[in-house]
PDB file of N, CA and C in Angstrom:
ATOM      1  N   MET A   1    -143.480   7.482-102.654  1.00  0.00           N
ATOM      2  CA  MET A   1    -144.978   7.490-102.701  1.00  0.00           C
ATOM      3  C   MET A   1    -145.321   8.949-103.750  1.00  0.00           C
ATOM      4  N   GLN A   2    -146.385   9.107-104.650  1.00  0.00           N
ATOM      5  CA  GLN A   2    -146.624  10.191-105.064  1.00  0.00           C
ATOM      6  C   GLN A   2    -148.060  10.622-104.460  1.00  0.00           C
ATOM      7  N   SER A   3    -148.138  11.632-104.268  1.00  0.00           N
ATOM      8  CA  SER A   3    -149.742  12.054-104.151  1.00  0.00           C
ATOM      9  C   SER A   3    -150.015  13.322-104.351  1.00  0.00           C
ATOM     10  N   LEU A   4    -151.388  13.357-104.600  1.00  0.00           N
ATOM     11  CA  LEU A   4    -152.177  14.605-105.475  1.00  0.00           C
ATOM     12  C   LEU A   4    -153.014  15.568-104.384  1.00  0.00           C
ATOM     13  N   ALA A   5    -152.641  16.597-104.024  1.00  0.00           N
ATOM     14  CA  ALA A   5    -153.127  17.553-103.189  1.00  0.00           C
ATOM     15  C   ALA A   5    -154.451  18.268-104.054  1.00  0.00           C
ATOM     16  N   VAL A   6    -155.545  18.027-103.612  1.00  0.00           N
ATOM     17  CA  VAL A   6    -156.701  19.650-104.007  1.00  0.00           C
ATOM     18  C   VAL A   6    -156.646  20.236-102.527  1.00  0.00           C
ATOM     19  N   ARG A   7    -156.886  21.240-102.981  1.00  0.00           N
ATOM     20  CA  ARG A   7    -157.394  22.368-101.820  1.00  0.00           C
ATOM     21  C   ARG A   7    -158.949  22.999-102.304  1.00  0.00           C
ATOM     22  N   THR A   8    -159.476  22.938-101.526  1.00  0.00           N
ATOM     23  CA  THR A   8    -160.530  23.618-101.537  1.00  0.00           C
ATOM     24  C   THR A   8    -161.087  24.873-100.154  1.00  0.00           C
ATOM     25  N   THR A   9    -161.546  25.710-100.634  1.00  0.00           N
ATOM     26  CA  THR A   9    -161.848  26.671 -99.297  1.00  0.00           C
ATOM     27  C   THR A   9    -163.506  26.664 -99.739  1.00  0.00           C
ATOM     28  N   PHE A  10    -163.966  26.824 -98.593  1.00  0.00           N
ATOM     29  CA  PHE A  10    -165.265  27.142 -98.423  1.00  0.00           C
ATOM     30  C   PHE A  10    -165.354  28.244 -97.360  1.00  0.00           C
ATOM     31  N   SER A  11    -166.721  28.888 -98.014  1.00  0.00           N
ATOM     32  CA  SER A  11    -166.598  29.803 -97.191  1.00  0.00           C
ATOM     33  C   SER A  11    -168.348  30.273 -96.549  1.00  0.00           C
ATOM     34  N   ALA A  12    -168.769  30.915 -95.453  1.00  0.00           N
ATOM     35  CA  ALA A  12    -169.685  30.703 -95.119  1.00  0.00           C
ATOM     36  C   ALA A  12    -170.002  32.457 -95.387  1.00  0.00           C
ATOM     37  N   PRO A  13    -171.731  32.146 -95.493  1.00  0.00           N
ATOM     38  CA  PRO A  13    -172.148  33.596 -95.854  1.00  0.00           C
ATOM     39  C   PRO A  13    -172.148  34.767 -94.905  1.00  0.00           C
ATOM     40  N   ARG A  14    -171.994  36.267 -95.776  1.00  0.00           N
ATOM     41  CA  ARG A  14    -171.338  36.687 -94.633  1.00  0.00           C
ATOM     42  C   ARG A  14    -172.422  37.483 -93.528  1.00  0.00           C
ATOM     43  N   ALA A  15    -172.611  37.286 -92.415  1.00  0.00           N
ATOM     44  CA  ALA A  15    -173.433  37.979 -91.676  1.00  0.00           C
ATOM     45  C   ALA A  15    -173.085  39.982 -91.935  1.00  0.00           C
ATOM     46  N   ALA A  16    -174.382  40.386 -91.777  1.00  0.00           N
ATOM     47  CA  ALA A  16    -174.393  41.910 -91.452  1.00  0.00           C
ATOM     48  C   ALA A  16    -172.921  42.485 -90.391  1.00  0.00           C
ATOM     49  N   GLY A  17    -172.058  43.050 -91.205  1.00  0.00           N
ATOM     50  CA  GLY A  17    -170.873  43.723 -90.423  1.00  0.00           C
ATOM     51  C   GLY A  17    -170.030  42.176 -89.739  1.00  0.00           C
ATOM     52  N   ARG A  18    -170.483  41.481 -90.324  1.00  0.00           N
ATOM     53  CA  ARG A  18    -169.157  39.944 -89.725  1.00  0.00           C
ATOM     54  C   ARG A  18    -168.228  39.725 -91.168  1.00  0.00           C
ATOM     55  N   VAL A  19    -166.892  39.070 -91.482  1.00  0.00           N
ATOM     56  CA  VAL A  19    -166.310  38.771 -91.956  1.00  0.00           C
ATOM     57  C   VAL A  19    -166.384  37.460 -92.300  1.00  0.00           C
ATOM     58  N   ALA A  20    -166.790  36.884 -93.568  1.00  0.00           N
ATOM     59  CA  ALA A  20    -166.981  35.400 -93.895  1.00  0.00           C
ATOM     60  C   ALA A  20    -165.756  34.606 -93.388  1.00  0.00           C
ATOM     61  N   ALA A  21    -166.626  33.402 -92.420  1.00  0.00           N
ATOM     62  CA  ALA A  21    -165.230  32.215 -92.114  1.00  0.00           C
ATOM     63  C   ALA A  21    -165.093  31.613 -93.532  1.00  0.00           C
ATOM     64  N   ARG A  22    -163.962  31.640 -93.603  1.00  0.00           N
ATOM     65  CA  ARG A  22    -163.202  30.348 -94.481  1.00  0.00           C
ATOM     66  C   ARG A  22    -162.229  29.326 -93.894  1.00  0.00           C
ATOM     67  N   ARG A  23    -162.729  28.470 -94.537  1.00  0.00           N
ATOM     68  CA  ARG A  23    -161.721  26.964 -93.831  1.00  0.00           C
ATOM     69  C   ARG A  23    -161.336  26.038 -95.009  1.00  0.00           C
ATOM     70  N   SER A  24    -160.001  25.443 -94.579  1.00  0.00           N
ATOM     71  CA  SER A  24    -159.635  24.785 -95.998  1.00  0.00           C
ATOM     72  C   SER A  24    -159.297  23.164 -96.049  1.00  0.00           C
ATOM     73  N   LEU A  25    -159.661  22.420 -97.118  1.00  0.00           N
ATOM     74  CA  LEU A  25    -159.422  21.126 -96.631  1.00  0.00           C
ATOM     75  C   LEU A  25    -158.569  20.504 -97.597  1.00  0.00           C
ATOM     76  N   THR A  26    -157.720  20.089 -97.121  1.00  0.00           N
ATOM     77  CA  THR A  26    -156.745  19.030 -98.266  1.00  0.00           C
ATOM     78  C   THR A  26    -157.019  18.038 -97.834  1.00  0.00           C
ATOM     79  N   VAL A  27    -157.161  17.089 -99.576  1.00  0.00           N
ATOM     80  CA  VAL A  27    -157.301  15.873-100.193  1.00  0.00           C
ATOM     81  C   VAL A  27    -156.137  15.278-100.621  1.00  0.00           C
ATOM     82  N   ARG A  28    -155.437  14.138-100.433  1.00  0.00           N
ATOM     83  CA  ARG A  28    -154.224  13.586-100.479  1.00  0.00           C
ATOM     84  C   ARG A  28    -155.014  12.463-101.151  1.00  0.00           C
ATOM     85  N   ALA A  29    -154.857  12.188-102.584  1.00  0.00           N
ATOM     86  CA  ALA A  29    -154.757  10.526-103.006  1.00  0.00           C
ATOM     87  C   ALA A  29    -153.402   9.868-103.219  1.00  0.00           C
ATOM     88  N   SER A  30    -153.095   8.853-102.312  1.00  0.00           N
ATOM     89  CA  SER A  30    -151.835   8.189-102.325  1.00  0.00           C
ATOM     90  C   SER A  30    -151.796   7.349-103.460  1.00  0.00           C
ATOM     91  N   SER A  31    -150.685   7.098-103.969  1.00  0.00           N
ATOM     92  CA  SER A  31    -150.324   5.730-105.116  1.00  0.00           C
ATOM     93  C   SER A  31    -149.898   4.866-104.320  1.00  0.00           C
ATOM     94  N   GLU A  32    -150.258   4.042-103.283  1.00  0.00           N
ATOM     95  CA  GLU A  32    -150.069   2.981-102.236  1.00  0.00           C
ATOM     96  C   GLU A  32    -151.825   2.321-102.194  1.00  0.00           C
ATOM     97  N   PRO A  33    -151.704   1.037-102.975  1.00  0.00           N
ATOM     98  CA  PRO A  33    -152.877   0.373-103.059  1.00  0.00           C
ATOM     99  C   PRO A  33    -153.763   0.460-101.620  1.00  0.00           C
ATOM    100  N   ILE A  34    -155.021   0.291-101.891  1.00  0.00           N
ATOM    101  CA  ILE A  34    -155.912  -0.102-100.712  1.00  0.00           C
ATOM    102  C   ILE A  34    -155.313  -1.715-100.220  1.00  0.00           C
ATOM    103  N   ASN A  35    -155.816  -2.110-101.348  1.00  0.00           N
ATOM    104  CA  ASN A  35    -155.316  -3.828-101.208  1.00  0.00           C
ATOM    105  C   ASN A  35    -154.042  -3.919-101.621  1.00  0.00           C
ATOM    106  N   PRO A  36    -153.360  -4.831-100.259  1.00  0.00           N
ATOM    107  CA  PRO A  36    -152.048  -5.239-100.224  1.00  0.00           C
ATOM    108  C   PRO A  36    -151.743  -6.593-100.696  1.00  0.00           C
ATOM    109  N   ASN A  37    -152.536  -7.264-100.487  1.00  0.00           N
ATOM    110  CA  ASN A  37    -152.511  -8.232-101.263  1.00  0.00           C
ATOM    111  C   ASN A  37    -153.248  -9.829-101.633  1.00  0.00           C
ATOM    112  N   ILE A  38    -154.329  -9.172-101.400  1.00  0.00           N
ATOM    113  CA  ILE A  38    -155.678 -10.204-101.639  1.00  0.00           C
ATOM    114  C   ILE A  38    -156.403 -10.241-103.236  1.00  0.00           C
ATOM    115  N   LYS A  39    -155.759 -11.256-103.417  1.00  0.00           N
ATOM    116  CA  LYS A  39    -156.279 -11.506-105.275  1.00  0.00           C
ATOM    117  C   LYS A  39    -155.417 -10.515-106.271  1.00  0.00           C
ATOM    118  N   LYS A  40    -154.316 -10.231-106.252  1.00  0.00           N
ATOM    119  CA  LYS A  40    -153.627  -9.612-106.810  1.00  0.00           C
ATOM    120  C   LYS A  40    -153.406 -10.081-108.680  1.00  0.00           C
ATOM    121  N   ASP A  41    -153.615 -10.963-108.707  1.00  0.00           N
ATOM    122  CA  ASP A  41    -153.482 -11.753-110.479  1.00  0.00           C
ATOM    123  C   ASP A  41    -154.687 -11.225-110.830  1.00  0.00           C
ATOM    124  N   VAL A  42    -155.594 -10.796-110.432  1.00  0.00           N
ATOM    125  CA  VAL A  42    -156.692 -10.417-111.339  1.00  0.00           C
ATOM    126  C   VAL A  42    -157.092  -8.604-111.359  1.00  0.00           C
ATOM    127  N   ASP A  43    -157.442  -8.379-112.299  1.00  0.00           N
ATOM    128  CA  ASP A  43    -157.916  -7.067-112.531  1.00  0.00           C
ATOM    129  C   ASP A  43    -158.731  -6.092-111.279  1.00  0.00           C
ATOM    130  N   LYS A  44    -159.956  -6.852-110.959  1.00  0.00           N
ATOM    131  CA  LYS A  44    -160.524  -6.138-110.084  1.00  0.00           C
ATOM    132  C   LYS A  44    -161.401  -7.495-109.041  1.00  0.00           C
ATOM    133  N   VAL A  45    -161.275  -7.065-107.833  1.00  0.00           N
ATOM    134  CA  VAL A  45    -161.630  -8.543-106.984  1.00  0.00           C
ATOM    135  C   VAL A  45    -163.063  -8.056-106.890  1.00  0.00           C
ATOM    136  N   VAL A  46    -163.792  -9.327-107.185  1.00  0.00           N
ATOM    137  CA  VAL A  46    -165.255  -9.123-106.843  1.00  0.00           C
ATOM    138  C   VAL A  46    -165.774 -10.543-106.403  1.00  0.00           C
ATOM    139  N   ASP A  47    -166.553 -10.445-105.317  1.00  0.00           N
ATOM    140  CA  ASP A  47    -167.090 -11.500-104.459  1.00  0.00           C
ATOM    141  C   ASP A  47    -168.676 -11.546-104.775  1.00  0.00           C
ATOM    142  N   THR A  48    -169.495 -12.235-104.873  1.00  0.00           N
ATOM    143  CA  THR A  48    -170.534 -12.670-104.928  1.00  0.00           C
ATOM    144  C   THR A  48    -171.235 -13.358-103.721  1.00  0.00           C
ATOM    145  N   VAL A  49    -172.278 -13.164-103.133  1.00  0.00           N
ATOM    146  CA  VAL A  49    -172.814 -13.546-101.703  1.00  0.00           C
ATOM    147  C   VAL A  49    -174.043 -13.935-102.155  1.00  0.00           C
ATOM    148  N   PHE A  50    -174.894 -15.078-101.951  1.00  0.00           N
ATOM    149  CA  PHE A  50    -176.207 -15.271-102.245  1.00  0.00           C
ATOM    150  C   PHE A  50    -177.084 -15.681-100.784  1.00  0.00           C
ATOM    151  N   PRO A  51    -177.933 -15.302-100.618  1.00  0.00           N
ATOM    152  CA  PRO A  51    -178.616 -15.823 -99.133  1.00  0.00           C
ATOM    153  C   PRO A  51    -178.664 -17.039 -98.686  1.00  0.00           C
ATOM    154  N   LYS A  52    -178.339 -17.605 -99.957  1.00  0.00           N
ATOM    155  CA  LYS A  52    -178.651 -19.129 -99.554  1.00  0.00           C
ATOM    156  C   LYS A  52    -177.300 -19.892 -99.203  1.00  0.00           C
ATOM    157  N   ASP A  53    -176.139 -18.878 -99.468  1.00  0.00           N
ATOM    158  CA  ASP A  53    -174.605 -19.043 -99.027  1.00  0.00           C
ATOM    159  C   ASP A  53    -174.767 -19.008 -97.324  1.00  0.00           C
ATOM    160  N   LEU A  54    -175.268 -18.493 -96.635  1.00  0.00           N
ATOM    161  CA  LEU A  54    -175.286 -18.500 -95.516  1.00  0.00           C
ATOM    162  C   LEU A  54    -175.724 -19.747 -94.861  1.00  0.00           C
ATOM    163  N   ASP A  55    -175.932 -20.856 -95.290  1.00  0.00           N
ATOM    164  CA  ASP A  55    -176.179 -21.860 -95.093  1.00  0.00           C
ATOM    165  C   ASP A  55    -176.950 -22.249 -93.606  1.00  0.00           C
ATOM    166  N   GLY A  56    -177.928 -21.813 -93.484  1.00  0.00           N
ATOM    167  CA  GLY A  56    -178.894 -21.737 -92.164  1.00  0.00           C
ATOM    168  C   GLY A  56    -178.415 -20.714 -91.350  1.00  0.00           C
ATOM    169  N   LYS A  57    -177.173 -19.971 -91.280  1.00  0.00           N
ATOM    170  CA  LYS A  57    -176.510 -19.384 -89.953  1.00  0.00           C
ATOM    171  C   LYS A  57    -177.077 -18.030 -89.839  1.00  0.00           C
ATOM    172  N   PRO A  58    -176.988 -17.550 -88.799  1.00  0.00           N
ATOM    173  CA  PRO A  58    -177.925 -16.491 -88.972  1.00  0.00           C
ATOM    174  C   PRO A  58    -177.472 -15.148 -89.624  1.00  0.00           C
ATOM    175  N   GLN A  59    -175.749 -15.253 -89.536  1.00  0.00           N
ATOM    176  CA  GLN A  59    -175.238 -13.885 -90.348  1.00  0.00           C
ATOM    177  C   GLN A  59    -174.275 -14.655 -91.061  1.00  0.00           C
ATOM    178  N   ALA A  60    -173.211 -13.924 -91.694  1.00  0.00           N
ATOM    179  CA  ALA A  60    -172.056 -13.884 -92.608  1.00  0.00           C
ATOM    180  C   ALA A  60    -171.067 -12.798 -92.249  1.00  0.00           C
ATOM    181  N   VAL A  61    -170.016 -12.277 -92.067  1.00  0.00           N
ATOM    182  CA  VAL A  61    -169.418 -11.237 -91.515  1.00  0.00           C
ATOM    183  C   VAL A  61    -167.998 -11.308 -92.352  1.00  0.00           C
ATOM    184  N   TYR A  62    -167.994 -10.421 -93.439  1.00  0.00           N
ATOM    185  CA  TYR A  62    -167.582 -10.114 -94.323  1.00  0.00           C
ATOM    186  C   TYR A  62    -166.164  -8.831 -94.722  1.00  0.00           C
ATOM    187  N   CYS A  63    -165.111  -8.829 -95.122  1.00  0.00           N
ATOM    188  CA  CYS A  63    -163.872  -8.180 -94.715  1.00  0.00           C
ATOM    189  C   CYS A  63    -164.245  -7.054 -95.277  1.00  0.00           C
ATOM    190  N   ARG A  64    -164.312  -6.032 -94.934  1.00  0.00           N
ATOM    191  CA  ARG A  64    -163.968  -4.508 -95.613  1.00  0.00           C
ATOM    192  C   ARG A  64    -162.550  -3.801 -95.929  1.00  0.00           C
ATOM    193  N   CYS A  65    -161.218  -4.426 -94.970  1.00  0.00           N
ATOM    194  CA  CYS A  65    -160.333  -3.619 -94.631  1.00  0.00           C
ATOM    195  C   CYS A  65    -159.257  -4.380 -95.359  1.00  0.00           C
ATOM    196  N   TRP A  66    -159.430  -4.918 -96.762  1.00  0.00           N
ATOM    197  CA  TRP A  66    -158.663  -5.773 -97.415  1.00  0.00           C
ATOM    198  C   TRP A  66    -157.249  -6.428 -96.463  1.00  0.00           C
ATOM    199  N   ARG A  67    -157.475  -6.884 -95.048  1.00  0.00           N
ATOM    200  CA  ARG A  67    -156.425  -7.589 -94.349  1.00  0.00           C
ATOM    201  C   ARG A  67    -156.690  -9.113 -93.468  1.00  0.00           C
ATOM    202  N   SER A  68    -157.984  -9.002 -94.005  1.00  0.00           N
ATOM    203  CA  SER A  68    -158.189 -10.593 -93.383  1.00  0.00           C
ATOM    204  C   SER A  68    -157.593 -11.567 -94.184  1.00  0.00           C
ATOM    205  N   ALA A  69    -156.775 -12.805 -93.480  1.00  0.00           N
ATOM    206  CA  ALA A  69    -156.241 -13.849 -93.409  1.00  0.00           C
ATOM    207  C   ALA A  69    -157.420 -15.011 -94.230  1.00  0.00           C
ATOM    208  N   THR A  70    -158.620 -14.478 -94.020  1.00  0.00           N
ATOM    209  CA  THR A  70    -159.798 -15.740 -94.587  1.00  0.00           C
ATOM    210  C   THR A  70    -160.836 -14.661 -95.310  1.00  0.00           C
ATOM    211  N   PHE A  71    -159.833 -13.760 -96.117  1.00  0.00           N
ATOM    212  CA  PHE A  71    -160.740 -12.975 -96.895  1.00  0.00           C
ATOM    213  C   PHE A  71    -161.459 -13.722 -98.282  1.00  0.00           C
ATOM    214  N   PRO A  72    -162.834 -13.233 -98.344  1.00  0.00           N
ATOM    215  CA  PRO A  72    -163.479 -12.603 -98.162  1.00  0.00           C
ATOM    216  C   PRO A  72    -164.304 -12.400 -96.811  1.00  0.00           C
ATOM    217  N   LEU A  73    -164.221 -13.378 -96.006  1.00  0.00           N
ATOM    218  CA  LEU A  73    -164.667 -13.225 -94.764  1.00  0.00           C
ATOM    219  C   LEU A  73    -163.583 -12.463 -93.680  1.00  0.00           C
ATOM    220  N   CYS A  74    -164.259 -11.923 -92.935  1.00  0.00           N
ATOM    221  CA  CYS A  74    -163.356 -10.926 -91.553  1.00  0.00           C
ATOM    222  C   CYS A  74    -162.845 -12.256 -90.317  1.00  0.00           C
ATOM    223  N   ASN A  75    -161.826 -11.773 -90.412  1.00  0.00           N
ATOM    224  CA  ASN A  75    -161.218 -12.562 -89.231  1.00  0.00           C
ATOM    225  C   ASN A  75    -160.691 -11.644 -88.032  1.00  0.00           C
ATOM    226  N   GLY A  76    -161.338 -10.114 -88.117  1.00  0.00           N
ATOM    227  CA  GLY A  76    -160.856  -9.306 -87.195  1.00  0.00           C
ATOM    228  C   GLY A  76    -160.066  -8.234 -87.125  1.00  0.00           C
ATOM    229  N   ALA A  77    -159.174  -8.328 -88.634  1.00  0.00           N
ATOM    230  CA  ALA A  77    -157.840  -8.116 -88.723  1.00  0.00           C
ATOM    231  C   ALA A  77    -158.125  -6.259 -88.723  1.00  0.00           C
ATOM    232  N   HIS A  78    -159.419  -5.967 -88.877  1.00  0.00           N
ATOM    233  CA  HIS A  78    -159.385  -4.155 -88.705  1.00  0.00           C
ATOM    234  C   HIS A  78    -159.115  -3.828 -87.586  1.00  0.00           C
ATOM    235  N   VAL A  79    -159.270  -4.995 -86.644  1.00  0.00           N
ATOM    236  CA  VAL A  79    -158.779  -4.030 -85.484  1.00  0.00           C
ATOM    237  C   VAL A  79    -157.572  -3.635 -85.403  1.00  0.00           C
ATOM    238  N   LYS A  80    -156.261  -4.451 -85.545  1.00  0.00           N
ATOM    239  CA  LYS A  80    -155.388  -3.847 -85.740  1.00  0.00           C
ATOM    240  C   LYS A  80    -154.729  -2.869 -86.460  1.00  0.00           C
ATOM    241  N   HIS A  81    -155.702  -3.270 -87.666  1.00  0.00           N
ATOM    242  CA  HIS A  81    -155.424  -2.084 -88.634  1.00  0.00           C
ATOM    243  C   HIS A  81    -155.889  -0.740 -88.461  1.00  0.00           C
ATOM    244  N   ASN A  82    -157.091  -0.775 -87.606  1.00  0.00           N
ATOM    245  CA  ASN A  82    -157.342   0.679 -87.189  1.00  0.00           C
ATOM    246  C   ASN A  82    -156.699   1.307 -85.959  1.00  0.00           C
ATOM    247  N   GLN A  83    -156.047   0.223 -85.122  1.00  0.00           N
ATOM    248  CA  GLN A  83    -155.165   0.834 -83.709  1.00  0.00           C
ATOM    249  C   GLN A  83    -153.806   1.749 -84.800  1.00  0.00           C
ATOM    250  N   ALA A  84    -153.335   0.617 -85.470  1.00  0.00           N
ATOM    251  CA  ALA A  84    -152.482   1.090 -86.309  1.00  0.00           C
ATOM    252  C   ALA A  84    -152.331   2.397 -87.262  1.00  0.00           C
ATOM    253  N   THR A  85    -153.823   2.729 -88.042  1.00  0.00           N
ATOM    254  CA  THR A  85    -153.817   3.581 -88.196  1.00  0.00           C
ATOM    255  C   THR A  85    -154.494   5.213 -87.973  1.00  0.00           C
ATOM    256  N   GLY A  86    -155.438   4.583 -87.336  1.00  0.00           N
ATOM    257  CA  GLY A  86    -156.374   5.246 -86.754  1.00  0.00           C
ATOM    258  C   GLY A  86    -157.638   5.602 -87.834  1.00  0.00           C
ATOM    259  N   ASP A  87    -157.465   4.441 -88.579  1.00  0.00           N
ATOM    260  CA  ASP A  87    -158.908   4.222 -89.217  1.00  0.00           C
ATOM    261  C   ASP A  87    -159.906   3.686 -88.468  1.00  0.00           C
ATOM    262  N   ASN A  88    -160.707   3.697 -88.979  1.00  0.00           N
ATOM    263  CA  ASN A  88    -162.423   3.234 -88.159  1.00  0.00           C
ATOM    264  C   ASN A  88    -162.962   2.168 -89.242  1.00  0.00           C
ATOM    265  N   VAL A  89    -162.487   1.363 -90.252  1.00  0.00           N
ATOM    266  CA  VAL A  89    -163.274   0.304 -91.096  1.00  0.00           C
ATOM    267  C   VAL A  89    -163.861  -0.985 -89.905  1.00  0.00           C
ATOM    268  N   GLY A  90    -164.802  -1.348 -90.404  1.00  0.00           N
ATOM    269  CA  GLY A  90    -165.146  -2.490 -89.968  1.00  0.00           C
ATOM    270  C   GLY A  90    -165.956  -3.437 -90.557  1.00  0.00           C
ATOM    271  N   PRO A  91    -166.651  -4.290 -90.263  1.00  0.00           N
ATOM    272  CA  PRO A  91    -166.975  -5.543 -91.328  1.00  0.00           C
ATOM    273  C   PRO A  91    -167.899  -5.193 -91.896  1.00  0.00           C
ATOM    274  N   LEU A  92    -168.501  -5.734 -93.141  1.00  0.00           N
ATOM    275  CA  LEU A  92    -169.862  -6.091 -93.744  1.00  0.00           C
ATOM    276  C   LEU A  92    -170.684  -7.003 -92.940  1.00  0.00           C
ATOM    277  N   ILE A  93    -172.002  -7.153 -92.666  1.00  0.00           N
ATOM    278  CA  ILE A  93    -172.583  -8.135 -91.712  1.00  0.00           C
ATOM    279  C   ILE A  93    -173.970  -8.081 -92.521  1.00  0.00           C
ATOM    280  N   ILE A  94    -174.038  -9.492 -92.756  1.00  0.00           N
ATOM    281  CA  ILE A  94    -175.349  -9.972 -93.628  1.00  0.00           C
ATOM    282  C   ILE A  94    -175.998 -10.902 -92.729  1.00  0.00           C
ATOM    283  N   LYS A  95    -176.884 -10.242 -92.360  1.00  0.00           N
ATOM    284  CA  LYS A  95    -178.052 -11.029 -91.858  1.00  0.00           C
ATOM    285  C   LYS A  95    -179.057 -11.969 -92.460  1.00  0.00           C
ATOM    286  N   ALA A  96    -179.173 -13.262 -92.025  1.00  0.00           N
ATOM    287  CA  ALA A  96    -180.669 -13.820 -93.003  1.00  0.00           C
ATOM    288  C   ALA A  96    -181.827 -12.898 -92.226  1.00  0.00           C
ATOM    289  N   SER A  97    -182.425 -13.237 -93.368  1.00  0.00           N
ATOM    290  CA  SER A  97    -184.020 -12.561 -93.129  1.00  0.00           C
ATOM    291  C   SER A  97    -184.811 -13.198 -91.931  1.00  0.00           C
ATOM    292  N   ASP A  98    -185.885 -12.707 -91.522  1.00  0.00           N
ATOM    293  CA  ASP A  98    -186.630 -13.771 -90.139  1.00  0.00           C
ATOM    294  C   ASP A  98    -187.623 -14.066 -91.108  1.00  0.00           C
TER     295      ASP A  98
END
């Protein structure tokens, strides 16, 4: 796995007689794809939903973790993903207008 590290240093303004505080942040971009297996035969996964697609239901819940077996609908797979990775991803919920 390749990664790209970017280091940025943040400095706080100096107060009278004090040394500036510095913090470093390292961001790594992984070559591992976010999407493990959804629609891998297309260049870009795009799903369009219209309000009429709710079919009278009060809401629809869509996957954002790319792990759902019912993609694009959420099946709760993000719970296991979050526990395994420490991530905090959750579903997109679309509610019918009142």
